[in-house]
N, C-alpha and C. Protein backbone atom coordinates (compact mmCIF):
# COMPACT_ATOMS: atom_id res chain seq x y z
N MET A 1 -137.27 -53.72 56.25
CA MET A 1 -135.81 -53.59 56.32
C MET A 1 -135.20 -54.91 56.81
N SER A 2 -134.12 -55.33 56.18
CA SER A 2 -133.45 -56.56 56.58
C SER A 2 -132.77 -56.39 57.93
N GLN A 3 -132.79 -57.46 58.69
CA GLN A 3 -132.16 -57.46 60.00
C GLN A 3 -131.93 -58.91 60.42
N PHE A 4 -131.16 -59.11 61.48
CA PHE A 4 -131.02 -60.46 62.00
C PHE A 4 -131.02 -60.42 63.52
N LEU A 5 -131.40 -61.55 64.09
CA LEU A 5 -131.55 -61.64 65.53
C LEU A 5 -130.19 -61.67 66.24
N ASN A 6 -130.04 -60.82 67.22
CA ASN A 6 -128.85 -60.83 68.06
C ASN A 6 -128.77 -62.13 68.86
N SER A 7 -129.92 -62.57 69.36
CA SER A 7 -129.96 -63.68 70.32
C SER A 7 -129.49 -65.01 69.75
N THR A 8 -129.56 -65.19 68.44
CA THR A 8 -129.20 -66.48 67.84
C THR A 8 -127.94 -66.40 66.99
N ALA A 9 -127.21 -65.30 67.08
CA ALA A 9 -126.09 -65.08 66.17
C ALA A 9 -124.71 -65.27 66.80
N GLY A 10 -124.66 -65.83 67.99
CA GLY A 10 -123.37 -66.02 68.65
C GLY A 10 -122.40 -66.89 67.88
N ASP A 11 -122.95 -67.81 67.07
CA ASP A 11 -122.09 -68.71 66.30
C ASP A 11 -121.25 -67.99 65.26
N ILE A 12 -121.59 -66.75 64.94
CA ILE A 12 -120.75 -65.97 64.02
C ILE A 12 -119.34 -65.86 64.57
N VAL A 13 -119.22 -65.73 65.87
CA VAL A 13 -117.89 -65.62 66.48
C VAL A 13 -117.13 -66.94 66.35
N LEU A 14 -117.84 -68.06 66.38
CA LEU A 14 -117.18 -69.35 66.16
C LEU A 14 -116.63 -69.44 64.74
N ALA A 15 -117.38 -68.90 63.77
CA ALA A 15 -116.91 -68.90 62.38
C ALA A 15 -115.67 -68.02 62.24
N MET A 16 -115.64 -66.90 62.93
CA MET A 16 -114.44 -66.05 62.94
C MET A 16 -113.25 -66.82 63.50
N ALA A 17 -113.49 -67.49 64.61
CA ALA A 17 -112.41 -68.24 65.26
C ALA A 17 -111.86 -69.32 64.33
N ASP A 18 -112.75 -70.01 63.63
CA ASP A 18 -112.31 -71.04 62.69
C ASP A 18 -111.39 -70.46 61.63
N LYS A 19 -111.75 -69.29 61.11
CA LYS A 19 -110.95 -68.66 60.05
C LYS A 19 -109.59 -68.19 60.57
N ILE A 20 -109.58 -67.66 61.78
CA ILE A 20 -108.31 -67.21 62.34
C ILE A 20 -107.39 -68.39 62.61
N VAL A 21 -107.93 -69.45 63.19
CA VAL A 21 -107.12 -70.65 63.47
C VAL A 21 -106.61 -71.25 62.16
N GLU A 22 -107.47 -71.26 61.16
CA GLU A 22 -107.09 -71.79 59.84
C GLU A 22 -105.93 -71.01 59.23
N ASN A 23 -105.86 -69.72 59.52
CA ASN A 23 -104.82 -68.86 58.93
C ASN A 23 -103.68 -68.55 59.90
N ARG A 24 -103.58 -69.34 60.94
CA ARG A 24 -102.54 -69.09 61.96
C ARG A 24 -101.14 -69.01 61.37
N SER A 25 -100.76 -69.99 60.59
CA SER A 25 -99.40 -70.02 60.04
C SER A 25 -99.17 -68.87 59.07
N TYR A 26 -100.17 -68.59 58.24
CA TYR A 26 -100.05 -67.51 57.26
C TYR A 26 -99.87 -66.16 57.95
N LEU A 27 -100.66 -65.91 59.00
CA LEU A 27 -100.55 -64.63 59.70
C LEU A 27 -99.21 -64.48 60.40
N SER A 28 -98.70 -65.56 60.95
CA SER A 28 -97.39 -65.49 61.60
C SER A 28 -96.27 -65.34 60.58
N GLU A 29 -96.45 -65.95 59.41
CA GLU A 29 -95.45 -65.81 58.35
C GLU A 29 -95.35 -64.35 57.90
N ILE A 30 -96.50 -63.72 57.70
CA ILE A 30 -96.50 -62.30 57.31
C ILE A 30 -95.86 -61.46 58.41
N ASP A 31 -96.26 -61.70 59.63
CA ASP A 31 -95.76 -60.92 60.76
C ASP A 31 -94.26 -61.09 60.94
N GLY A 32 -93.78 -62.28 60.63
CA GLY A 32 -92.36 -62.55 60.80
C GLY A 32 -91.46 -61.75 59.88
N LYS A 33 -92.01 -61.21 58.82
CA LYS A 33 -91.19 -60.45 57.86
C LYS A 33 -90.83 -59.07 58.38
N ILE A 34 -91.69 -58.49 59.20
CA ILE A 34 -91.37 -57.15 59.74
C ILE A 34 -91.70 -57.01 61.22
N GLY A 35 -92.18 -58.10 61.84
CA GLY A 35 -92.55 -58.04 63.26
C GLY A 35 -91.99 -59.22 64.03
N ASP A 36 -92.68 -59.58 65.10
CA ASP A 36 -92.21 -60.65 65.99
C ASP A 36 -92.51 -62.04 65.46
N GLY A 37 -93.42 -62.14 64.50
CA GLY A 37 -93.77 -63.44 63.94
C GLY A 37 -94.74 -64.23 64.79
N ASP A 38 -95.39 -63.55 65.74
CA ASP A 38 -96.27 -64.28 66.65
C ASP A 38 -97.76 -63.91 66.49
N HIS A 39 -98.06 -63.11 65.49
CA HIS A 39 -99.44 -62.63 65.36
C HIS A 39 -100.43 -63.79 65.17
N GLY A 40 -100.12 -64.69 64.26
CA GLY A 40 -101.01 -65.81 64.02
C GLY A 40 -101.15 -66.71 65.23
N VAL A 41 -100.04 -66.97 65.89
CA VAL A 41 -100.06 -67.83 67.09
C VAL A 41 -100.93 -67.22 68.18
N ASN A 42 -100.70 -65.93 68.45
CA ASN A 42 -101.45 -65.27 69.51
C ASN A 42 -102.94 -65.15 69.18
N MET A 43 -103.23 -64.80 67.93
CA MET A 43 -104.62 -64.66 67.53
C MET A 43 -105.34 -66.01 67.59
N ALA A 44 -104.69 -67.04 67.08
CA ALA A 44 -105.30 -68.38 67.09
C ALA A 44 -105.52 -68.85 68.53
N LYS A 45 -104.57 -68.55 69.39
CA LYS A 45 -104.70 -68.92 70.80
C LYS A 45 -105.92 -68.23 71.41
N GLY A 46 -106.03 -66.92 71.21
CA GLY A 46 -107.12 -66.16 71.80
C GLY A 46 -108.48 -66.54 71.25
N PHE A 47 -108.57 -66.61 69.93
CA PHE A 47 -109.85 -66.97 69.31
C PHE A 47 -110.23 -68.41 69.65
N GLY A 48 -109.22 -69.28 69.71
CA GLY A 48 -109.48 -70.67 70.05
C GLY A 48 -109.98 -70.82 71.47
N MET A 49 -109.38 -70.09 72.40
CA MET A 49 -109.82 -70.13 73.80
C MET A 49 -111.25 -69.62 73.92
N ALA A 50 -111.54 -68.52 73.23
CA ALA A 50 -112.90 -67.97 73.27
C ALA A 50 -113.91 -68.95 72.69
N ALA A 51 -113.53 -69.58 71.58
CA ALA A 51 -114.43 -70.54 70.94
C ALA A 51 -114.78 -71.68 71.89
N GLN A 52 -113.80 -72.15 72.66
CA GLN A 52 -114.07 -73.23 73.60
C GLN A 52 -115.08 -72.81 74.67
N ARG A 53 -115.08 -71.54 75.01
CA ARG A 53 -116.01 -71.03 76.03
C ARG A 53 -117.40 -70.74 75.44
N ILE A 54 -117.47 -70.62 74.14
CA ILE A 54 -118.73 -70.30 73.47
C ILE A 54 -119.45 -71.56 73.00
N LYS A 55 -118.69 -72.54 72.55
CA LYS A 55 -119.28 -73.77 71.99
C LYS A 55 -120.24 -74.44 72.97
N GLY A 56 -121.37 -74.88 72.41
CA GLY A 56 -122.34 -75.60 73.22
C GLY A 56 -123.26 -74.72 74.03
N ARG A 57 -123.06 -73.40 73.92
CA ARG A 57 -123.91 -72.46 74.65
C ARG A 57 -124.72 -71.64 73.65
N SER A 58 -125.92 -71.30 74.01
CA SER A 58 -126.79 -70.51 73.15
C SER A 58 -126.59 -69.03 73.48
N LEU A 59 -125.53 -68.46 72.90
CA LEU A 59 -125.18 -67.08 73.21
C LEU A 59 -125.65 -66.13 72.11
N SER A 60 -125.97 -64.93 72.51
CA SER A 60 -126.24 -63.88 71.54
C SER A 60 -124.92 -63.43 70.93
N LEU A 61 -125.01 -62.67 69.84
CA LEU A 61 -123.79 -62.15 69.23
C LEU A 61 -123.08 -61.23 70.21
N SER A 62 -123.83 -60.43 70.93
CA SER A 62 -123.21 -59.52 71.90
C SER A 62 -122.49 -60.29 73.00
N GLU A 63 -123.10 -61.37 73.50
CA GLU A 63 -122.46 -62.16 74.56
C GLU A 63 -121.21 -62.87 74.05
N ALA A 64 -121.28 -63.40 72.83
CA ALA A 64 -120.12 -64.09 72.27
C ALA A 64 -118.98 -63.11 72.02
N MET A 65 -119.33 -61.92 71.54
CA MET A 65 -118.28 -60.92 71.30
C MET A 65 -117.67 -60.42 72.60
N GLU A 66 -118.48 -60.32 73.63
CA GLU A 66 -117.95 -59.92 74.94
C GLU A 66 -116.98 -60.97 75.47
N THR A 67 -117.33 -62.24 75.29
CA THR A 67 -116.43 -63.33 75.70
C THR A 67 -115.11 -63.24 74.95
N LEU A 68 -115.18 -63.05 73.64
CA LEU A 68 -113.98 -62.94 72.83
C LEU A 68 -113.15 -61.73 73.23
N GLY A 69 -113.81 -60.60 73.41
CA GLY A 69 -113.09 -59.38 73.79
C GLY A 69 -112.34 -59.54 75.09
N ASN A 70 -112.99 -60.16 76.06
CA ASN A 70 -112.35 -60.36 77.37
C ASN A 70 -111.13 -61.26 77.26
N VAL A 71 -111.25 -62.33 76.48
CA VAL A 71 -110.11 -63.24 76.32
C VAL A 71 -108.94 -62.53 75.64
N LEU A 72 -109.23 -61.81 74.58
CA LEU A 72 -108.16 -61.14 73.84
C LEU A 72 -107.48 -60.07 74.68
N MET A 73 -108.24 -59.40 75.51
CA MET A 73 -107.66 -58.32 76.31
C MET A 73 -106.82 -58.83 77.47
N THR A 74 -107.19 -59.98 78.01
CA THR A 74 -106.57 -60.39 79.27
C THR A 74 -105.72 -61.65 79.21
N GLU A 75 -105.85 -62.44 78.13
CA GLU A 75 -105.24 -63.75 78.20
C GLU A 75 -104.28 -64.11 77.06
N ILE A 76 -104.04 -63.17 76.14
CA ILE A 76 -103.03 -63.47 75.12
C ILE A 76 -101.97 -62.37 75.10
N GLY A 77 -100.82 -62.72 74.61
CA GLY A 77 -99.73 -61.76 74.55
C GLY A 77 -99.76 -60.95 73.27
N GLY A 78 -98.72 -60.16 73.11
CA GLY A 78 -98.60 -59.37 71.89
C GLY A 78 -99.35 -58.05 71.97
N SER A 79 -99.09 -57.20 71.02
CA SER A 79 -99.70 -55.87 71.01
C SER A 79 -101.13 -55.88 70.49
N MET A 80 -101.49 -56.93 69.74
CA MET A 80 -102.79 -56.94 69.10
C MET A 80 -103.92 -57.37 70.03
N GLY A 81 -103.60 -58.07 71.10
CA GLY A 81 -104.63 -58.52 72.02
C GLY A 81 -105.50 -57.38 72.55
N PRO A 82 -104.88 -56.34 73.11
CA PRO A 82 -105.68 -55.22 73.62
C PRO A 82 -106.46 -54.50 72.52
N LEU A 83 -105.88 -54.38 71.33
CA LEU A 83 -106.56 -53.67 70.25
C LEU A 83 -107.81 -54.42 69.80
N TYR A 84 -107.65 -55.70 69.50
CA TYR A 84 -108.82 -56.49 69.11
C TYR A 84 -109.75 -56.70 70.31
N GLY A 85 -109.19 -56.79 71.49
CA GLY A 85 -110.01 -56.95 72.68
C GLY A 85 -110.97 -55.80 72.86
N ILE A 86 -110.45 -54.58 72.73
CA ILE A 86 -111.33 -53.43 72.91
C ILE A 86 -112.30 -53.32 71.75
N MET A 87 -111.88 -53.72 70.55
CA MET A 87 -112.79 -53.67 69.40
C MET A 87 -114.02 -54.55 69.64
N PHE A 88 -113.78 -55.79 70.04
CA PHE A 88 -114.91 -56.71 70.26
C PHE A 88 -115.71 -56.32 71.50
N SER A 89 -115.06 -55.76 72.49
CA SER A 89 -115.80 -55.30 73.67
C SER A 89 -116.72 -54.15 73.30
N GLN A 90 -116.24 -53.26 72.44
CA GLN A 90 -117.08 -52.16 71.96
C GLN A 90 -118.23 -52.68 71.11
N PHE A 91 -117.93 -53.65 70.26
CA PHE A 91 -119.00 -54.28 69.47
C PHE A 91 -120.10 -54.79 70.40
N ALA A 92 -119.67 -55.52 71.44
CA ALA A 92 -120.61 -56.14 72.37
C ALA A 92 -121.44 -55.09 73.10
N GLU A 93 -120.80 -53.99 73.47
CA GLU A 93 -121.50 -52.94 74.21
C GLU A 93 -122.61 -52.33 73.37
N VAL A 94 -122.34 -52.08 72.09
CA VAL A 94 -123.36 -51.51 71.22
C VAL A 94 -124.53 -52.47 71.04
N LEU A 95 -124.24 -53.76 70.95
CA LEU A 95 -125.29 -54.76 70.70
C LEU A 95 -126.03 -55.19 71.95
N ASP A 96 -125.49 -54.87 73.12
CA ASP A 96 -126.11 -55.31 74.38
C ASP A 96 -127.54 -54.79 74.48
N GLY A 97 -128.49 -55.70 74.66
CA GLY A 97 -129.88 -55.32 74.81
C GLY A 97 -130.63 -55.09 73.50
N VAL A 98 -129.91 -55.21 72.38
CA VAL A 98 -130.54 -55.03 71.07
C VAL A 98 -131.16 -56.35 70.62
N GLU A 99 -132.39 -56.31 70.19
CA GLU A 99 -133.04 -57.55 69.74
C GLU A 99 -132.72 -57.85 68.29
N ASN A 100 -132.93 -56.89 67.41
CA ASN A 100 -132.69 -57.07 65.98
C ASN A 100 -131.58 -56.15 65.50
N ILE A 101 -130.61 -56.73 64.82
CA ILE A 101 -129.48 -55.97 64.31
C ILE A 101 -129.79 -55.54 62.88
N ASP A 102 -130.00 -54.25 62.69
CA ASP A 102 -130.29 -53.70 61.37
C ASP A 102 -129.06 -52.94 60.87
N PRO A 103 -129.09 -52.40 59.66
CA PRO A 103 -127.90 -51.72 59.13
C PRO A 103 -127.38 -50.59 60.03
N ALA A 104 -128.29 -49.82 60.62
CA ALA A 104 -127.86 -48.71 61.48
C ALA A 104 -127.11 -49.22 62.71
N THR A 105 -127.64 -50.29 63.31
CA THR A 105 -126.99 -50.88 64.49
C THR A 105 -125.65 -51.49 64.12
N PHE A 106 -125.62 -52.17 62.98
CA PHE A 106 -124.39 -52.80 62.51
C PHE A 106 -123.31 -51.74 62.28
N SER A 107 -123.69 -50.63 61.65
CA SER A 107 -122.75 -49.54 61.41
C SER A 107 -122.27 -48.94 62.72
N ALA A 108 -123.20 -48.71 63.65
CA ALA A 108 -122.83 -48.14 64.95
C ALA A 108 -121.84 -49.05 65.68
N MET A 109 -122.06 -50.36 65.56
CA MET A 109 -121.16 -51.34 66.16
C MET A 109 -119.75 -51.20 65.59
N LEU A 110 -119.66 -51.16 64.26
CA LEU A 110 -118.35 -51.05 63.62
C LEU A 110 -117.64 -49.75 63.99
N HIS A 111 -118.38 -48.66 63.97
CA HIS A 111 -117.78 -47.36 64.32
C HIS A 111 -117.28 -47.36 65.75
N SER A 112 -118.04 -47.96 66.66
CA SER A 112 -117.62 -48.01 68.05
C SER A 112 -116.34 -48.82 68.22
N GLY A 113 -116.23 -49.91 67.46
CA GLY A 113 -115.01 -50.71 67.51
C GLY A 113 -113.80 -49.93 67.04
N LEU A 114 -113.97 -49.19 65.94
CA LEU A 114 -112.87 -48.36 65.43
C LEU A 114 -112.50 -47.27 66.43
N ASP A 115 -113.52 -46.65 67.03
CA ASP A 115 -113.25 -45.62 68.03
C ASP A 115 -112.47 -46.20 69.21
N GLY A 116 -112.84 -47.42 69.60
CA GLY A 116 -112.14 -48.05 70.71
C GLY A 116 -110.67 -48.28 70.41
N ILE A 117 -110.41 -48.79 69.21
CA ILE A 117 -109.02 -49.02 68.79
C ILE A 117 -108.23 -47.72 68.79
N GLN A 118 -108.84 -46.67 68.25
CA GLN A 118 -108.12 -45.40 68.15
C GLN A 118 -108.02 -44.68 69.48
N SER A 119 -108.82 -45.12 70.47
CA SER A 119 -108.73 -44.51 71.79
C SER A 119 -107.50 -44.97 72.56
N ILE A 120 -106.96 -46.15 72.17
CA ILE A 120 -105.77 -46.64 72.87
C ILE A 120 -104.54 -46.61 71.97
N GLY A 121 -104.69 -46.08 70.79
CA GLY A 121 -103.58 -45.93 69.87
C GLY A 121 -103.87 -44.76 68.96
N SER A 122 -102.89 -44.37 68.19
CA SER A 122 -103.06 -43.20 67.33
C SER A 122 -103.15 -43.58 65.86
N ALA A 123 -103.40 -44.86 65.59
CA ALA A 123 -103.38 -45.34 64.21
C ALA A 123 -104.48 -44.70 63.37
N LYS A 124 -104.11 -44.37 62.15
CA LYS A 124 -105.05 -43.86 61.17
C LYS A 124 -104.76 -44.53 59.84
N VAL A 125 -105.65 -44.35 58.89
CA VAL A 125 -105.45 -44.95 57.57
C VAL A 125 -104.12 -44.44 56.99
N GLY A 126 -103.32 -45.38 56.50
CA GLY A 126 -102.02 -45.04 55.94
C GLY A 126 -100.85 -45.37 56.84
N ASP A 127 -101.14 -45.78 58.08
CA ASP A 127 -100.07 -46.08 59.03
C ASP A 127 -99.64 -47.55 59.01
N LYS A 128 -100.25 -48.36 58.13
CA LYS A 128 -99.93 -49.78 58.00
C LYS A 128 -100.32 -50.55 59.26
N THR A 129 -101.62 -50.49 59.56
CA THR A 129 -102.17 -51.21 60.72
C THR A 129 -103.52 -51.80 60.32
N LEU A 130 -104.19 -52.43 61.26
CA LEU A 130 -105.51 -52.99 61.00
C LEU A 130 -106.53 -51.91 60.63
N VAL A 131 -106.27 -50.68 61.01
CA VAL A 131 -107.17 -49.57 60.66
C VAL A 131 -107.26 -49.40 59.14
N ASP A 132 -106.22 -49.78 58.43
CA ASP A 132 -106.24 -49.67 56.96
C ASP A 132 -107.25 -50.62 56.33
N ALA A 133 -107.64 -51.66 57.04
CA ALA A 133 -108.70 -52.55 56.56
C ALA A 133 -110.05 -52.16 57.15
N LEU A 134 -110.07 -51.83 58.44
CA LEU A 134 -111.33 -51.58 59.14
C LEU A 134 -112.01 -50.29 58.71
N SER A 135 -111.28 -49.21 58.67
CA SER A 135 -111.89 -47.91 58.38
C SER A 135 -112.51 -47.84 56.98
N PRO A 136 -111.80 -48.26 55.92
CA PRO A 136 -112.42 -48.25 54.59
C PRO A 136 -113.63 -49.19 54.49
N ALA A 137 -113.60 -50.29 55.22
CA ALA A 137 -114.72 -51.23 55.20
C ALA A 137 -115.98 -50.58 55.77
N ILE A 138 -115.81 -49.84 56.86
CA ILE A 138 -116.94 -49.14 57.46
C ILE A 138 -117.48 -48.09 56.50
N ASP A 139 -116.57 -47.33 55.91
CA ASP A 139 -116.99 -46.29 54.96
C ASP A 139 -117.75 -46.89 53.79
N ALA A 140 -117.27 -48.02 53.30
CA ALA A 140 -117.92 -48.66 52.14
C ALA A 140 -119.32 -49.15 52.50
N PHE A 141 -119.46 -49.72 53.68
CA PHE A 141 -120.78 -50.19 54.12
C PHE A 141 -121.74 -49.01 54.25
N ASP A 142 -121.30 -47.95 54.92
CA ASP A 142 -122.15 -46.78 55.12
C ASP A 142 -122.56 -46.16 53.79
N ALA A 143 -121.61 -46.09 52.85
CA ALA A 143 -121.91 -45.50 51.54
C ALA A 143 -122.92 -46.34 50.78
N ALA A 144 -122.80 -47.65 50.87
CA ALA A 144 -123.72 -48.54 50.17
C ALA A 144 -125.14 -48.42 50.73
N ILE A 145 -125.25 -48.36 52.05
CA ILE A 145 -126.56 -48.18 52.68
C ILE A 145 -127.16 -46.83 52.28
N ALA A 146 -126.33 -45.79 52.29
CA ALA A 146 -126.80 -44.45 51.92
C ALA A 146 -127.28 -44.40 50.47
N ASP A 147 -126.68 -45.26 49.65
CA ASP A 147 -127.06 -45.32 48.23
C ASP A 147 -128.29 -46.19 47.99
N GLY A 148 -128.85 -46.75 49.05
CA GLY A 148 -130.07 -47.53 48.92
C GLY A 148 -129.87 -49.03 48.78
N GLU A 149 -128.64 -49.49 48.95
CA GLU A 149 -128.39 -50.93 48.89
C GLU A 149 -129.00 -51.61 50.11
N SER A 150 -129.38 -52.88 49.94
CA SER A 150 -129.90 -53.64 51.07
C SER A 150 -128.76 -53.99 52.03
N PHE A 151 -129.12 -54.45 53.21
CA PHE A 151 -128.13 -54.87 54.21
C PHE A 151 -127.19 -55.92 53.59
N ALA A 152 -127.77 -56.95 52.99
CA ALA A 152 -126.96 -58.02 52.40
C ALA A 152 -126.05 -57.50 51.30
N GLN A 153 -126.58 -56.63 50.46
CA GLN A 153 -125.79 -56.07 49.36
C GLN A 153 -124.66 -55.20 49.88
N ALA A 154 -124.92 -54.42 50.92
CA ALA A 154 -123.92 -53.50 51.46
C ALA A 154 -122.75 -54.22 52.12
N LEU A 155 -122.96 -55.48 52.50
CA LEU A 155 -121.87 -56.24 53.10
C LEU A 155 -120.83 -56.64 52.07
N GLU A 156 -121.20 -56.67 50.79
CA GLU A 156 -120.23 -57.01 49.74
C GLU A 156 -119.14 -55.94 49.60
N PRO A 157 -119.50 -54.65 49.45
CA PRO A 157 -118.45 -53.64 49.41
C PRO A 157 -117.67 -53.53 50.71
N LEU A 158 -118.29 -53.88 51.83
CA LEU A 158 -117.54 -53.90 53.09
C LEU A 158 -116.39 -54.89 52.99
N VAL A 159 -116.69 -56.10 52.53
CA VAL A 159 -115.65 -57.13 52.40
C VAL A 159 -114.60 -56.71 51.37
N ALA A 160 -115.05 -56.19 50.25
CA ALA A 160 -114.12 -55.78 49.19
C ALA A 160 -113.20 -54.66 49.67
N ALA A 161 -113.75 -53.70 50.41
CA ALA A 161 -112.93 -52.58 50.91
C ALA A 161 -111.93 -53.04 51.96
N ALA A 162 -112.34 -54.01 52.79
CA ALA A 162 -111.41 -54.55 53.79
C ALA A 162 -110.24 -55.24 53.10
N GLU A 163 -110.53 -55.98 52.04
CA GLU A 163 -109.47 -56.68 51.32
C GLU A 163 -108.57 -55.70 50.56
N ALA A 164 -109.17 -54.66 49.99
CA ALA A 164 -108.38 -53.64 49.30
C ALA A 164 -107.51 -52.89 50.30
N GLY A 165 -108.07 -52.61 51.48
CA GLY A 165 -107.29 -51.95 52.52
C GLY A 165 -106.13 -52.81 52.99
N ARG A 166 -106.40 -54.09 53.16
CA ARG A 166 -105.32 -55.04 53.49
C ARG A 166 -104.22 -54.99 52.44
N ASP A 167 -104.61 -55.07 51.18
CA ASP A 167 -103.63 -55.09 50.09
C ASP A 167 -102.85 -53.78 50.00
N SER A 168 -103.50 -52.68 50.38
CA SER A 168 -102.82 -51.37 50.31
C SER A 168 -101.63 -51.29 51.26
N THR A 169 -101.67 -52.10 52.32
CA THR A 169 -100.59 -52.00 53.30
C THR A 169 -99.26 -52.52 52.75
N ARG A 170 -99.33 -53.28 51.67
CA ARG A 170 -98.08 -53.79 51.08
C ARG A 170 -97.17 -52.66 50.64
N ASP A 171 -97.76 -51.56 50.19
CA ASP A 171 -96.97 -50.45 49.66
C ASP A 171 -96.74 -49.35 50.68
N LEU A 172 -97.16 -49.57 51.91
CA LEU A 172 -97.01 -48.55 52.95
C LEU A 172 -95.77 -48.79 53.80
N VAL A 173 -95.30 -47.71 54.40
CA VAL A 173 -94.22 -47.78 55.37
C VAL A 173 -94.85 -47.76 56.76
N SER A 174 -94.45 -48.68 57.59
CA SER A 174 -95.02 -48.79 58.93
C SER A 174 -94.67 -47.56 59.77
N LYS A 175 -95.69 -47.01 60.43
CA LYS A 175 -95.48 -45.80 61.24
C LYS A 175 -95.77 -46.01 62.72
N ILE A 176 -96.27 -47.21 63.07
CA ILE A 176 -96.64 -47.48 64.45
C ILE A 176 -96.13 -48.87 64.85
N GLY A 177 -95.69 -48.99 66.10
CA GLY A 177 -95.26 -50.28 66.60
C GLY A 177 -93.81 -50.60 66.28
N ARG A 178 -93.43 -51.81 66.62
CA ARG A 178 -92.04 -52.24 66.45
C ARG A 178 -91.57 -52.16 65.01
N SER A 179 -92.45 -52.49 64.08
CA SER A 179 -92.06 -52.49 62.66
C SER A 179 -91.75 -51.10 62.15
N SER A 180 -92.21 -50.06 62.86
CA SER A 180 -91.96 -48.68 62.40
C SER A 180 -90.47 -48.35 62.43
N ARG A 181 -89.72 -49.09 63.24
CA ARG A 181 -88.27 -48.85 63.32
C ARG A 181 -87.55 -49.28 62.05
N LEU A 182 -88.23 -50.08 61.23
CA LEU A 182 -87.61 -50.55 59.99
C LEU A 182 -87.67 -49.51 58.88
N GLY A 183 -88.54 -48.52 59.04
CA GLY A 183 -88.65 -47.48 58.01
C GLY A 183 -89.01 -48.08 56.66
N GLU A 184 -88.24 -47.70 55.65
CA GLU A 184 -88.52 -48.14 54.28
C GLU A 184 -88.45 -49.66 54.12
N ARG A 185 -87.76 -50.32 55.00
CA ARG A 185 -87.65 -51.78 54.90
C ARG A 185 -88.98 -52.48 55.20
N SER A 186 -89.92 -51.74 55.79
CA SER A 186 -91.24 -52.34 56.06
C SER A 186 -92.14 -52.30 54.84
N ARG A 187 -91.72 -51.61 53.80
CA ARG A 187 -92.51 -51.56 52.58
C ARG A 187 -92.37 -52.88 51.81
N GLY A 188 -93.44 -53.26 51.13
CA GLY A 188 -93.39 -54.47 50.32
C GLY A 188 -93.95 -55.70 51.00
N VAL A 189 -94.44 -55.52 52.23
CA VAL A 189 -94.99 -56.64 53.02
C VAL A 189 -96.38 -56.25 53.52
N LEU A 190 -97.32 -57.19 53.45
CA LEU A 190 -98.65 -56.93 54.02
C LEU A 190 -98.54 -56.76 55.54
N ASP A 191 -99.41 -55.93 56.07
CA ASP A 191 -99.50 -55.82 57.53
C ASP A 191 -100.32 -56.98 58.08
N ALA A 192 -99.82 -57.63 59.09
CA ALA A 192 -100.50 -58.80 59.64
C ALA A 192 -101.83 -58.42 60.28
N GLY A 193 -101.88 -57.28 60.96
CA GLY A 193 -103.11 -56.84 61.59
C GLY A 193 -104.20 -56.54 60.58
N ALA A 194 -103.83 -55.87 59.50
CA ALA A 194 -104.80 -55.58 58.45
C ALA A 194 -105.28 -56.87 57.80
N THR A 195 -104.39 -57.85 57.70
CA THR A 195 -104.75 -59.13 57.10
C THR A 195 -105.72 -59.89 57.98
N SER A 196 -105.45 -59.95 59.29
CA SER A 196 -106.39 -60.64 60.19
C SER A 196 -107.71 -59.89 60.27
N CYS A 197 -107.67 -58.57 60.19
CA CYS A 197 -108.90 -57.78 60.24
C CYS A 197 -109.79 -58.08 59.04
N ALA A 198 -109.19 -58.21 57.87
CA ALA A 198 -109.96 -58.54 56.67
C ALA A 198 -110.61 -59.92 56.81
N ILE A 199 -109.89 -60.85 57.40
CA ILE A 199 -110.43 -62.19 57.64
C ILE A 199 -111.63 -62.12 58.58
N ILE A 200 -111.47 -61.36 59.66
CA ILE A 200 -112.54 -61.21 60.65
C ILE A 200 -113.77 -60.56 60.03
N LEU A 201 -113.56 -59.50 59.28
CA LEU A 201 -114.69 -58.79 58.70
C LEU A 201 -115.43 -59.63 57.66
N GLU A 202 -114.71 -60.43 56.91
CA GLU A 202 -115.40 -61.29 55.95
C GLU A 202 -116.24 -62.33 56.68
N ALA A 203 -115.70 -62.93 57.73
CA ALA A 203 -116.46 -63.91 58.50
C ALA A 203 -117.69 -63.27 59.13
N LEU A 204 -117.54 -62.05 59.63
CA LEU A 204 -118.66 -61.32 60.21
C LEU A 204 -119.73 -61.04 59.16
N ALA A 205 -119.30 -60.59 57.99
CA ALA A 205 -120.24 -60.27 56.90
C ALA A 205 -120.97 -61.51 56.42
N ARG A 206 -120.25 -62.60 56.22
CA ARG A 206 -120.90 -63.84 55.74
C ARG A 206 -121.86 -64.39 56.80
N GLY A 207 -121.48 -64.26 58.05
CA GLY A 207 -122.37 -64.72 59.10
C GLY A 207 -123.65 -63.92 59.16
N ALA A 208 -123.51 -62.61 59.00
CA ALA A 208 -124.70 -61.75 58.98
C ALA A 208 -125.58 -62.06 57.77
N GLN A 209 -124.96 -62.20 56.60
CA GLN A 209 -125.74 -62.49 55.39
C GLN A 209 -126.54 -63.77 55.52
N GLY A 210 -125.96 -64.75 56.18
CA GLY A 210 -126.64 -66.04 56.33
C GLY A 210 -127.80 -66.02 57.29
N ARG A 211 -127.92 -64.93 58.08
CA ARG A 211 -128.98 -64.84 59.08
C ARG A 211 -130.00 -63.75 58.79
N LEU A 212 -129.76 -62.97 57.76
CA LEU A 212 -130.66 -61.85 57.46
C LEU A 212 -132.06 -62.31 57.10
N GLN A 213 -133.03 -61.57 57.60
CA GLN A 213 -134.43 -61.84 57.28
C GLN A 213 -135.15 -60.50 57.15
N ASN A 214 -136.14 -60.46 56.28
CA ASN A 214 -136.91 -59.22 56.06
C ASN A 214 -137.98 -59.08 57.14
């Protein structure tokens, strides 16, 4: 069974940070259409700060994710900090003490992150939030593994489902957060959280694929 080492995978979080910083302006532009316009700025700040604390250290994926989760929860503004903070903290908790990350562990990690997000909010698929990208991605990965796909192969539908979930938010009406006050006026715009989530999940998937070994 394919798996990858937890102990040498901390750099995956650096790749996530690079992608978020790279998309800072785009994420804030999207957010500015129906929100405060600070999503990209806050995310880039948080991921950038975490990256500075991770660089040059030989961290496991669980340790790097714990560092990122702590920064997002405690040191950036906006509503998304606590949500992503708890997601990465939950990821780290599942991986803590795990030597090899296999499909079952990877799935458990993702499910725990989603549970964490939903424990501090009521978001579900269709509410125009990051859950619209995360939940379908998890389902797609689980379905692919159940169908006999390899770990590497199952990461492809995960990425595709995250992107499709992101795109689906364009036609949704926001039901949670400040943008929910806009009602029908929130339709026609991508959700910034779902967009950043798709970016994060793709970076996570590509990082895992590059480290998989039989």
